[in-house]
Amino acid sequence: ILFDFSDAKKINITQLLEKIDWRYCSISFVADDTNIATKILAYLTEKNYALSELKGSVFWKRPLTDTSLHEGYLAALKNYHSFGIVIPSSSPIGEISEALVQAVSYMDMMTDAKADKESVFRTINVSLNCDQNFFITIAKLKALRFLWYQLARSFEIENYFPGDFHIHALSEEWSAEKFDPHGNMIKNTVHALAAVCGGCDSLTLCPEDENNELMNRVAINVSNILKEESHLDKVFDPLAGAYAIDNMVHQLAKGAWHEFQNKMKS
């Protein structure tokens, strides 16, 4: 479940989650106001949940600069991705390198505040958009996961593995008159297939009109149908060993790491 608070002026967490039991699902938020962290923690304290067992993420629209969140929020939610990075659409290499740069910025900020580097690194995850090119989306996600592991090794985090990194893939609403009335559904299907084959851990498919109940239902069920009928959840890496994909991953990783290094030098 993903709630987008980026345009919300007033947020009532208790009312929003009234009929949702957090212990049995993953709940994530998109926000740009750090006050949401305090509200979430107050709600969890009220519910008396075991904080270390909860799953989900908070994706911040703007880079965080408040280190005090660590003591009141990050430290309590040990298995929760409290520092989600939202990457705006650009080139695949640009998106990957930007994710790495922001991760290093978080790590530097938090370790300077004497936070444990492994616990901080484990709470960082990334949300990025699916690319219009099916194969580029797959290669982009795979390259990001590969380089993220390299980043963990650079920080000398020994017990971190590629599968520990959480990637959220987003397919934004889209419409084109020549593909109506179901163009967005087809786009969502292609994006979902690419994102899952690329190794995403969570997925959001947006309807072309959020006020249309049928379109919302279709967007929600795309991934369910791919799971139940294509059995995408039964294969760890459906494209393992595909030379063309592996070559694209190598090229993207090489270019993104080079751009990341240049950004860190500037």
Protein backbone atom coordinates (compact mmCIF):
# COMPACT_ATOMS: atom_id res chain seq x y z
CA ILE A 1 0.00 0.00 0.00
CA LEU A 2 1.42 3.38 -1.00
CA PHE A 3 0.01 6.74 0.15
CA ASP A 4 1.17 9.91 -1.60
CA PHE A 5 1.22 12.87 0.78
CA SER A 6 3.27 15.18 -1.43
CA ASP A 7 0.28 17.50 -2.09
CA ALA A 8 -1.57 16.96 1.20
CA LYS A 9 -1.98 19.92 3.55
CA LYS A 10 -3.46 18.01 6.51
CA ILE A 11 -2.74 14.37 7.33
CA ASN A 12 -4.69 12.27 9.80
CA ILE A 13 -2.76 8.99 10.05
CA THR A 14 -5.22 7.42 12.48
CA GLN A 15 -8.17 8.02 10.19
CA LEU A 16 -6.26 6.96 7.10
CA LEU A 17 -5.16 3.61 8.53
CA GLU A 18 -8.32 2.96 10.56
CA LYS A 19 -9.20 -0.34 8.83
CA ILE A 20 -5.65 -1.42 7.94
CA ASP A 21 -3.61 -3.72 10.16
CA TRP A 22 0.01 -2.79 9.47
CA ARG A 23 1.27 -6.10 10.85
CA TYR A 24 -0.06 -7.99 7.83
CA CYS A 25 0.96 -5.74 4.93
CA SER A 26 3.62 -3.33 3.75
CA ILE A 27 2.66 0.36 4.04
CA SER A 28 4.66 3.11 2.35
CA PHE A 29 4.37 6.87 2.03
CA VAL A 30 5.53 9.59 -0.36
CA ALA A 31 6.16 12.86 1.47
CA ASP A 32 8.15 16.07 1.45
CA ASP A 33 7.38 17.20 5.01
CA THR A 34 9.46 15.60 7.77
CA ASN A 35 6.56 16.04 10.20
CA ILE A 36 5.07 12.88 8.71
CA ALA A 37 7.78 10.89 10.48
CA THR A 38 6.64 12.13 13.88
CA LYS A 39 3.00 11.40 13.07
CA ILE A 40 3.75 7.87 11.91
CA LEU A 41 5.81 7.09 14.99
CA ALA A 42 3.09 8.51 17.28
CA TYR A 43 0.48 6.35 15.53
CA LEU A 44 2.61 3.22 15.89
CA THR A 45 3.19 3.94 19.57
CA GLU A 46 -0.56 4.36 20.07
CA LYS A 47 -1.21 1.01 18.35
CA ASN A 48 1.55 -0.67 20.35
CA TYR A 49 2.94 -2.44 17.29
CA ALA A 50 6.27 -4.24 17.43
CA LEU A 51 8.19 -1.61 15.48
CA SER A 52 11.00 -3.90 14.36
CA GLU A 53 8.53 -6.15 12.48
CA LEU A 54 6.82 -3.50 10.34
CA LYS A 55 7.51 -3.27 6.62
CA GLY A 56 7.31 -0.41 4.15
CA SER A 57 9.07 2.79 3.13
CA VAL A 58 8.94 6.56 3.29
CA PHE A 59 9.99 8.15 0.01
CA TRP A 60 11.09 11.76 0.41
CA LYS A 61 10.45 14.09 -2.51
CA ARG A 62 13.29 16.30 -1.30
CA PRO A 63 16.65 15.21 0.14
CA LEU A 64 16.62 15.03 3.93
CA THR A 65 18.88 17.31 5.95
CA ASP A 66 17.47 16.60 9.44
CA THR A 67 19.71 14.15 11.31
CA SER A 68 17.39 14.17 14.34
CA LEU A 69 15.11 11.77 12.48
CA HIS A 70 17.57 9.01 13.23
CA GLU A 71 17.00 8.92 16.97
CA GLY A 72 13.23 9.29 16.86
CA TYR A 73 12.40 7.36 13.74
CA LEU A 74 15.12 5.35 12.04
CA ALA A 75 16.38 3.73 15.23
CA ALA A 76 12.89 2.54 16.20
CA LEU A 77 11.96 1.06 12.82
CA LYS A 78 14.92 -1.21 12.25
CA ASN A 79 13.45 -3.14 9.29
CA TYR A 80 11.64 -0.19 7.74
CA HIS A 81 13.04 1.81 4.80
CA SER A 82 12.85 5.23 6.40
CA PHE A 83 15.05 7.03 3.87
CA GLY A 84 13.52 6.47 0.46
CA ILE A 85 15.05 8.37 -2.44
CA VAL A 86 12.73 9.55 -5.23
CA ILE A 87 14.61 9.82 -8.52
CA PRO A 88 13.10 12.10 -11.19
CA SER A 89 13.00 10.83 -14.75
CA SER A 90 16.04 11.56 -16.88
CA SER A 91 18.40 9.25 -18.74
CA PRO A 92 18.96 5.73 -17.32
CA ILE A 93 22.59 6.56 -16.54
CA GLY A 94 21.58 9.86 -14.97
CA GLU A 95 18.94 8.23 -12.77
CA ILE A 96 21.29 5.53 -11.49
CA SER A 97 24.13 7.95 -10.78
CA GLU A 98 21.76 10.37 -9.01
CA ALA A 99 20.54 7.56 -6.75
CA LEU A 100 24.13 6.74 -5.81
CA VAL A 101 25.00 10.38 -5.14
CA GLN A 102 21.99 10.88 -2.87
CA ALA A 103 22.76 7.67 -1.02
CA VAL A 104 26.32 8.82 -0.32
CA SER A 105 24.97 12.18 0.86
CA TYR A 106 22.64 10.43 3.31
CA MET A 107 25.41 8.19 4.54
CA ASP A 108 27.81 11.08 5.09
CA MET A 109 25.16 13.11 6.90
CA MET A 110 24.11 10.30 9.22
CA THR A 111 27.57 8.91 9.97
CA ASP A 112 28.75 12.44 10.80
CA ALA A 113 25.91 12.39 13.36
CA LYS A 114 27.45 9.19 14.82
CA ALA A 115 24.76 6.87 13.45
CA ASP A 116 25.65 3.25 12.73
CA LYS A 117 26.52 3.07 9.05
CA GLU A 118 25.05 -0.38 8.41
CA SER A 119 21.70 0.41 10.02
CA VAL A 120 21.50 3.65 8.01
CA PHE A 121 22.43 1.99 4.72
CA ARG A 122 19.80 -0.70 5.20
CA THR A 123 17.06 1.90 5.54
CA ILE A 124 17.85 3.57 2.21
CA ASN A 125 15.88 2.51 -0.84
CA VAL A 126 15.06 4.01 -4.21
CA SER A 127 11.93 4.80 -6.21
CA LEU A 128 12.34 5.41 -9.92
CA ASN A 129 10.17 5.49 -13.01
CA CYS A 130 9.92 2.77 -15.59
CA ASP A 131 11.47 3.67 -18.92
CA GLN A 132 9.44 3.68 -22.13
CA ASN A 133 11.86 1.10 -23.52
CA PHE A 134 11.05 -2.37 -22.18
CA PHE A 135 14.63 -3.65 -22.15
CA ILE A 136 16.08 -0.41 -20.78
CA THR A 137 13.81 -0.66 -17.75
CA ILE A 138 15.05 -4.18 -17.04
CA ALA A 139 18.70 -3.25 -17.51
CA LYS A 140 18.36 -0.05 -15.46
CA LEU A 141 17.02 -1.85 -12.41
CA LYS A 142 19.61 -4.61 -12.66
CA ALA A 143 22.46 -2.12 -13.07
CA LEU A 144 21.24 -0.08 -10.09
CA ARG A 145 21.14 -3.14 -7.85
CA PHE A 146 24.63 -4.17 -8.98
CA LEU A 147 26.12 -0.74 -8.30
CA TRP A 148 24.27 -0.43 -5.00
CA TYR A 149 26.08 -3.53 -3.81
CA GLN A 150 29.35 -1.96 -4.92
CA LEU A 151 28.44 1.11 -2.88
CA ALA A 152 27.83 -1.06 0.18
CA ARG A 153 31.26 -2.61 -0.25
CA SER A 154 32.79 0.87 -0.60
CA PHE A 155 31.37 1.74 2.83
CA GLU A 156 32.80 -1.56 4.14
CA ILE A 157 29.38 -2.94 5.03
CA GLU A 158 30.20 -6.63 5.10
CA ASN A 159 26.80 -8.24 5.73
CA TYR A 160 24.92 -6.50 2.92
CA PHE A 161 23.91 -8.48 -0.17
CA PRO A 162 22.37 -7.40 -3.51
CA GLY A 163 19.00 -8.84 -2.51
CA ASP A 164 18.89 -6.61 0.58
CA PHE A 165 18.40 -3.52 -1.57
CA HIS A 166 14.74 -2.51 -2.05
CA ILE A 167 13.77 -0.98 -5.41
CA HIS A 168 10.35 0.58 -5.99
CA ALA A 169 9.28 0.94 -9.63
CA LEU A 170 6.66 3.50 -10.68
CA SER A 171 4.63 3.59 -13.87
CA GLU A 172 3.04 7.03 -14.10
CA GLU A 173 -0.27 7.78 -15.81
CA TRP A 174 -0.09 8.08 -19.57
CA SER A 175 -2.56 8.61 -22.38
CA ALA A 176 -2.41 8.82 -26.16
CA GLU A 177 -5.52 9.31 -28.25
CA LYS A 178 -4.60 6.71 -30.85
CA PHE A 179 -4.28 4.03 -28.16
CA ASP A 180 -7.46 4.88 -26.25
CA PRO A 181 -9.48 3.63 -24.46
CA HIS A 182 -7.01 1.14 -22.96
CA GLY A 183 -3.60 2.52 -23.86
CA ASN A 184 -2.60 3.11 -20.23
CA MET A 185 -3.54 -0.46 -19.35
CA ILE A 186 -1.24 -1.80 -22.07
CA LYS A 187 1.53 0.56 -20.94
CA ASN A 188 1.10 -0.57 -17.32
CA THR A 189 1.29 -4.20 -18.38
CA VAL A 190 4.54 -3.69 -20.29
CA HIS A 191 6.04 -1.60 -17.49
CA ALA A 192 5.03 -4.11 -14.82
CA LEU A 193 6.50 -7.01 -16.78
CA ALA A 194 9.77 -5.12 -17.31
CA ALA A 195 10.00 -3.95 -13.69
CA VAL A 196 9.43 -7.42 -12.26
CA CYS A 197 11.88 -9.02 -14.70
CA GLY A 198 14.36 -6.31 -13.72
CA GLY A 199 14.03 -7.27 -10.07
CA CYS A 200 11.86 -4.58 -8.49
CA ASP A 201 10.65 -5.28 -4.94
CA SER A 202 7.54 -3.12 -5.02
CA LEU A 203 5.51 -1.70 -7.88
CA THR A 204 3.02 1.12 -8.38
CA LEU A 205 0.92 1.31 -11.55
CA CYS A 206 -1.05 4.53 -11.94
CA PRO A 207 -4.42 4.73 -13.72
CA GLU A 208 -4.92 7.44 -16.33
CA ASP A 209 -7.74 8.88 -14.23
CA GLU A 210 -7.67 8.37 -10.45
CA ASN A 211 -11.31 9.47 -10.21
CA ASN A 212 -12.45 6.62 -12.45
CA GLU A 213 -13.23 3.52 -10.36
CA LEU A 214 -12.87 1.10 -13.27
CA MET A 215 -9.48 2.53 -14.32
CA ASN A 216 -8.25 2.29 -10.73
CA ARG A 217 -9.35 -1.33 -10.51
CA VAL A 218 -7.66 -2.18 -13.80
CA ALA A 219 -4.37 -0.60 -12.70
CA ILE A 220 -4.45 -2.49 -9.39
CA ASN A 221 -5.17 -5.83 -11.06
CA VAL A 222 -2.50 -5.69 -13.79
CA SER A 223 0.24 -6.94 -11.48
CA ASN A 224 -2.12 -9.45 -9.84
CA ILE A 225 -2.92 -11.00 -13.22
CA LEU A 226 0.74 -11.12 -14.22
CA LYS A 227 1.45 -12.88 -10.93
CA GLU A 228 -1.37 -15.41 -11.12
CA GLU A 229 -1.30 -16.15 -14.87
CA SER A 230 2.35 -15.57 -15.81
CA HIS A 231 3.77 -16.81 -12.48
CA LEU A 232 6.38 -14.06 -12.42
CA ASP A 233 6.79 -14.52 -8.67
CA LYS A 234 7.93 -18.13 -9.14
CA VAL A 235 11.20 -17.31 -10.94
CA PHE A 236 14.07 -15.56 -9.18
CA ASP A 237 15.63 -14.02 -12.30
CA PRO A 238 13.76 -14.87 -15.51
CA LEU A 239 16.37 -13.20 -17.73
CA ALA A 240 19.50 -14.58 -16.11
CA GLY A 241 22.09 -15.44 -18.75
CA ALA A 242 20.46 -13.41 -21.54
CA TYR A 243 23.48 -11.97 -23.35
CA ALA A 244 21.73 -8.88 -24.74
CA ILE A 245 20.36 -7.89 -21.32
CA ASP A 246 23.64 -8.62 -19.55
CA ASN A 247 25.48 -6.46 -22.07
CA MET A 248 23.01 -3.58 -21.56
CA VAL A 249 23.40 -3.91 -17.79
CA HIS A 250 27.19 -3.78 -18.14
CA GLN A 251 27.07 -0.68 -20.34
CA LEU A 252 24.63 1.15 -18.07
CA ALA A 253 26.56 0.24 -14.94
CA LYS A 254 29.85 1.35 -16.48
CA GLY A 255 28.42 4.68 -17.65
CA ALA A 256 26.53 5.35 -14.41
CA TRP A 257 29.51 4.59 -12.19
CA HIS A 258 31.69 6.92 -14.27
CA GLU A 259 29.09 9.70 -14.04
CA PHE A 260 28.71 9.07 -10.29
CA GLN A 261 32.44 9.44 -9.79
CA ASN A 262 32.46 12.70 -11.76
CA LYS A 263 29.57 14.09 -9.69
CA MET A 264 31.33 13.22 -6.44
CA LYS A 265 34.48 15.02 -7.61
CA SER A 266 32.61 18.22 -8.55
